[in-house]
Amino acid sequence: MVSKKGQHSAKGSQRNENLLDFLEVENTQVENRSNLVGEGDIISYIEKKGGKVAKSELYEWTKDKGLTPAALYKVLARLVGEKVLRKEFDEEAEELVYVLAQH
């Protein structure tokens, strides 16, 4: 049985659980994954690719590193906003590319 305070009493065990406790664990796991690849790693990767990388290639690389697409988007948006990167359309590749602003 579950009481009003969220205490679960079955077979003599009592647990205090919040309905949203699982979200805290999930958020921690996402933060840990996003720490694996930082802004510097993304900039270094683009530099190694000659200062320009296709969006799809960058997504694949970060996915292999364990970074979620949402976390990558946040980093890219910040770098574009800070004018470290530019987002352009490459007609040859027919997709978006990210270019280092210094190139």
C-alpha atoms as a PDB file:
ATOM      1  CA  MET A   1       0.000   0.000   0.000  1.00  0.00           C
ATOM      2  CA  VAL A   2       1.045   3.566  -0.596  1.00  0.00           C
ATOM      3  CA  SER A   3       0.302   6.221   2.008  1.00  0.00           C
ATOM      4  CA  LYS A   4      -0.302   9.904   1.299  1.00  0.00           C
ATOM      5  CA  LYS A   5       3.330  10.774   2.071  1.00  0.00           C
ATOM      6  CA  GLY A   6       4.671   8.509  -0.660  1.00  0.00           C
ATOM      7  CA  GLN A   7       5.784   5.791   1.726  1.00  0.00           C
ATOM      8  CA  HIS A   8       5.464   2.383   0.214  1.00  0.00           C
ATOM      9  CA  SER A   9       4.851  -0.425   2.637  1.00  0.00           C
ATOM     10  CA  ALA A  10       4.919  -3.854   1.125  1.00  0.00           C
ATOM     11  CA  LYS A  11       6.405  -6.864   2.872  1.00  0.00           C
ATOM     12  CA  GLY A  12       7.678  -4.669   5.700  1.00  0.00           C
ATOM     13  CA  SER A  13       9.814  -2.371   3.566  1.00  0.00           C
ATOM     14  CA  GLN A  14       9.327   1.382   3.604  1.00  0.00           C
ATOM     15  CA  ARG A  15      10.640   3.708   0.917  1.00  0.00           C
ATOM     16  CA  ASN A  16      10.241   7.446   0.542  1.00  0.00           C
ATOM     17  CA  GLU A  17      10.040   8.106  -3.165  1.00  0.00           C
ATOM     18  CA  ASN A  18       9.027  11.125  -5.094  1.00  0.00           C
ATOM     19  CA  LEU A  19       7.153  10.568  -8.312  1.00  0.00           C
ATOM     20  CA  LEU A  20       9.822  12.571 -10.161  1.00  0.00           C
ATOM     21  CA  ASP A  21      12.918  10.920  -8.608  1.00  0.00           C
ATOM     22  CA  PHE A  22      13.624   9.017 -11.805  1.00  0.00           C
ATOM     23  CA  LEU A  23      13.986  12.325 -13.696  1.00  0.00           C
ATOM     24  CA  GLU A  24      16.853  13.391 -11.455  1.00  0.00           C
ATOM     25  CA  VAL A  25      18.744  10.199 -12.257  1.00  0.00           C
ATOM     26  CA  GLU A  26      18.084  10.626 -15.966  1.00  0.00           C
ATOM     27  CA  ASN A  27      19.263  14.268 -15.939  1.00  0.00           C
ATOM     28  CA  THR A  28      22.481  13.265 -14.170  1.00  0.00           C
ATOM     29  CA  GLN A  29      23.179  10.642 -16.820  1.00  0.00           C
ATOM     30  CA  VAL A  30      22.651  13.183 -19.615  1.00  0.00           C
ATOM     31  CA  GLU A  31      24.992  15.669 -17.927  1.00  0.00           C
ATOM     32  CA  ASN A  32      27.656  12.980 -17.550  1.00  0.00           C
ATOM     33  CA  ARG A  33      27.427  12.086 -21.239  1.00  0.00           C
ATOM     34  CA  SER A  34      27.575  15.718 -22.331  1.00  0.00           C
ATOM     35  CA  ASN A  35      30.763  16.197 -20.300  1.00  0.00           C
ATOM     36  CA  LEU A  36      32.475  13.594 -22.492  1.00  0.00           C
ATOM     37  CA  VAL A  37      32.584  15.973 -25.461  1.00  0.00           C
ATOM     38  CA  GLY A  38      33.046  19.667 -24.834  1.00  0.00           C
ATOM     39  CA  GLU A  39      33.230  22.782 -26.945  1.00  0.00           C
ATOM     40  CA  GLY A  40      36.981  22.401 -27.289  1.00  0.00           C
ATOM     41  CA  ASP A  41      36.622  18.856 -28.600  1.00  0.00           C
ATOM     42  CA  ILE A  42      34.105  19.975 -31.211  1.00  0.00           C
ATOM     43  CA  ILE A  43      36.302  22.887 -32.302  1.00  0.00           C
ATOM     44  CA  SER A  44      39.346  20.577 -32.505  1.00  0.00           C
ATOM     45  CA  TYR A  45      37.395  18.096 -34.616  1.00  0.00           C
ATOM     46  CA  ILE A  46      36.331  20.830 -37.032  1.00  0.00           C
ATOM     47  CA  GLU A  47      39.930  22.093 -37.205  1.00  0.00           C
ATOM     48  CA  LYS A  48      41.131  18.571 -38.057  1.00  0.00           C
ATOM     49  CA  LYS A  49      38.596  18.490 -40.879  1.00  0.00           C
ATOM     50  CA  GLY A  50      40.078  21.648 -42.406  1.00  0.00           C
ATOM     51  CA  GLY A  51      37.879  24.129 -40.560  1.00  0.00           C
ATOM     52  CA  LYS A  52      34.649  22.946 -42.170  1.00  0.00           C
ATOM     53  CA  VAL A  53      32.459  19.953 -41.373  1.00  0.00           C
ATOM     54  CA  ALA A  54      29.057  18.774 -42.580  1.00  0.00           C
ATOM     55  CA  LYS A  55      26.281  18.755 -40.023  1.00  0.00           C
ATOM     56  CA  SER A  56      25.586  15.044 -40.585  1.00  0.00           C
ATOM     57  CA  GLU A  57      29.248  14.132 -40.116  1.00  0.00           C
ATOM     58  CA  LEU A  58      29.444  16.153 -36.903  1.00  0.00           C
ATOM     59  CA  TYR A  59      26.294  14.499 -35.562  1.00  0.00           C
ATOM     60  CA  GLU A  60      27.688  11.038 -36.301  1.00  0.00           C
ATOM     61  CA  TRP A  61      31.008  11.851 -34.633  1.00  0.00           C
ATOM     62  CA  THR A  62      29.379  13.205 -31.468  1.00  0.00           C
ATOM     63  CA  LYS A  63      26.908  10.310 -31.392  1.00  0.00           C
ATOM     64  CA  ASP A  64      29.843   7.895 -31.397  1.00  0.00           C
ATOM     65  CA  LYS A  65      31.319   9.882 -28.499  1.00  0.00           C
ATOM     66  CA  GLY A  66      28.075   9.599 -26.489  1.00  0.00           C
ATOM     67  CA  LEU A  67      26.788  13.155 -26.860  1.00  0.00           C
ATOM     68  CA  THR A  68      23.064  13.495 -27.458  1.00  0.00           C
ATOM     69  CA  PRO A  69      21.804  15.522 -30.436  1.00  0.00           C
ATOM     70  CA  ALA A  70      20.110  17.949 -28.034  1.00  0.00           C
ATOM     71  CA  ALA A  71      23.363  18.577 -26.156  1.00  0.00           C
ATOM     72  CA  LEU A  72      25.236  19.015 -29.442  1.00  0.00           C
ATOM     73  CA  TYR A  73      22.641  21.521 -30.629  1.00  0.00           C
ATOM     74  CA  LYS A  74      23.114  23.572 -27.450  1.00  0.00           C
ATOM     75  CA  VAL A  75      26.885  23.638 -27.911  1.00  0.00           C
ATOM     76  CA  LEU A  76      26.614  24.528 -31.607  1.00  0.00           C
ATOM     77  CA  ALA A  77      24.060  27.272 -30.925  1.00  0.00           C
ATOM     78  CA  ARG A  78      26.362  28.754 -28.275  1.00  0.00           C
ATOM     79  CA  LEU A  79      29.411  28.617 -30.590  1.00  0.00           C
ATOM     80  CA  VAL A  80      27.470  30.201 -33.468  1.00  0.00           C
ATOM     81  CA  GLY A  81      26.113  32.870 -31.106  1.00  0.00           C
ATOM     82  CA  GLU A  82      29.639  33.635 -29.886  1.00  0.00           C
ATOM     83  CA  LYS A  83      30.753  33.812 -33.549  1.00  0.00           C
ATOM     84  CA  VAL A  84      33.268  31.005 -33.099  1.00  0.00           C
ATOM     85  CA  LEU A  85      31.427  29.029 -35.794  1.00  0.00           C
ATOM     86  CA  ARG A  86      29.380  29.994 -38.816  1.00  0.00           C
ATOM     87  CA  LYS A  87      26.554  27.890 -40.179  1.00  0.00           C
ATOM     88  CA  GLU A  88      26.444  27.795 -43.969  1.00  0.00           C
ATOM     89  CA  PHE A  89      24.789  25.801 -46.727  1.00  0.00           C
ATOM     90  CA  ASP A  90      27.245  23.855 -48.877  1.00  0.00           C
ATOM     91  CA  GLU A  91      25.826  23.502 -52.371  1.00  0.00           C
ATOM     92  CA  GLU A  92      28.178  20.652 -53.294  1.00  0.00           C
ATOM     93  CA  ALA A  93      27.258  18.574 -50.249  1.00  0.00           C
ATOM     94  CA  GLU A  94      23.677  19.860 -50.343  1.00  0.00           C
ATOM     95  CA  GLU A  95      23.575  20.230 -46.563  1.00  0.00           C
ATOM     96  CA  LEU A  96      24.477  22.539 -43.713  1.00  0.00           C
ATOM     97  CA  VAL A  97      28.102  22.826 -42.730  1.00  0.00           C
ATOM     98  CA  TYR A  98      29.764  24.393 -39.718  1.00  0.00           C
ATOM     99  CA  VAL A  99      32.791  26.540 -40.476  1.00  0.00           C
ATOM    100  CA  LEU A 100      35.293  27.957 -38.016  1.00  0.00           C
ATOM    101  CA  ALA A 101      34.956  31.732 -38.089  1.00  0.00           C
ATOM    102  CA  GLN A 102      38.719  32.242 -38.319  1.00  0.00           C
ATOM    103  CA  HIS A 103      38.921  30.380 -41.656  1.00  0.00           C
END
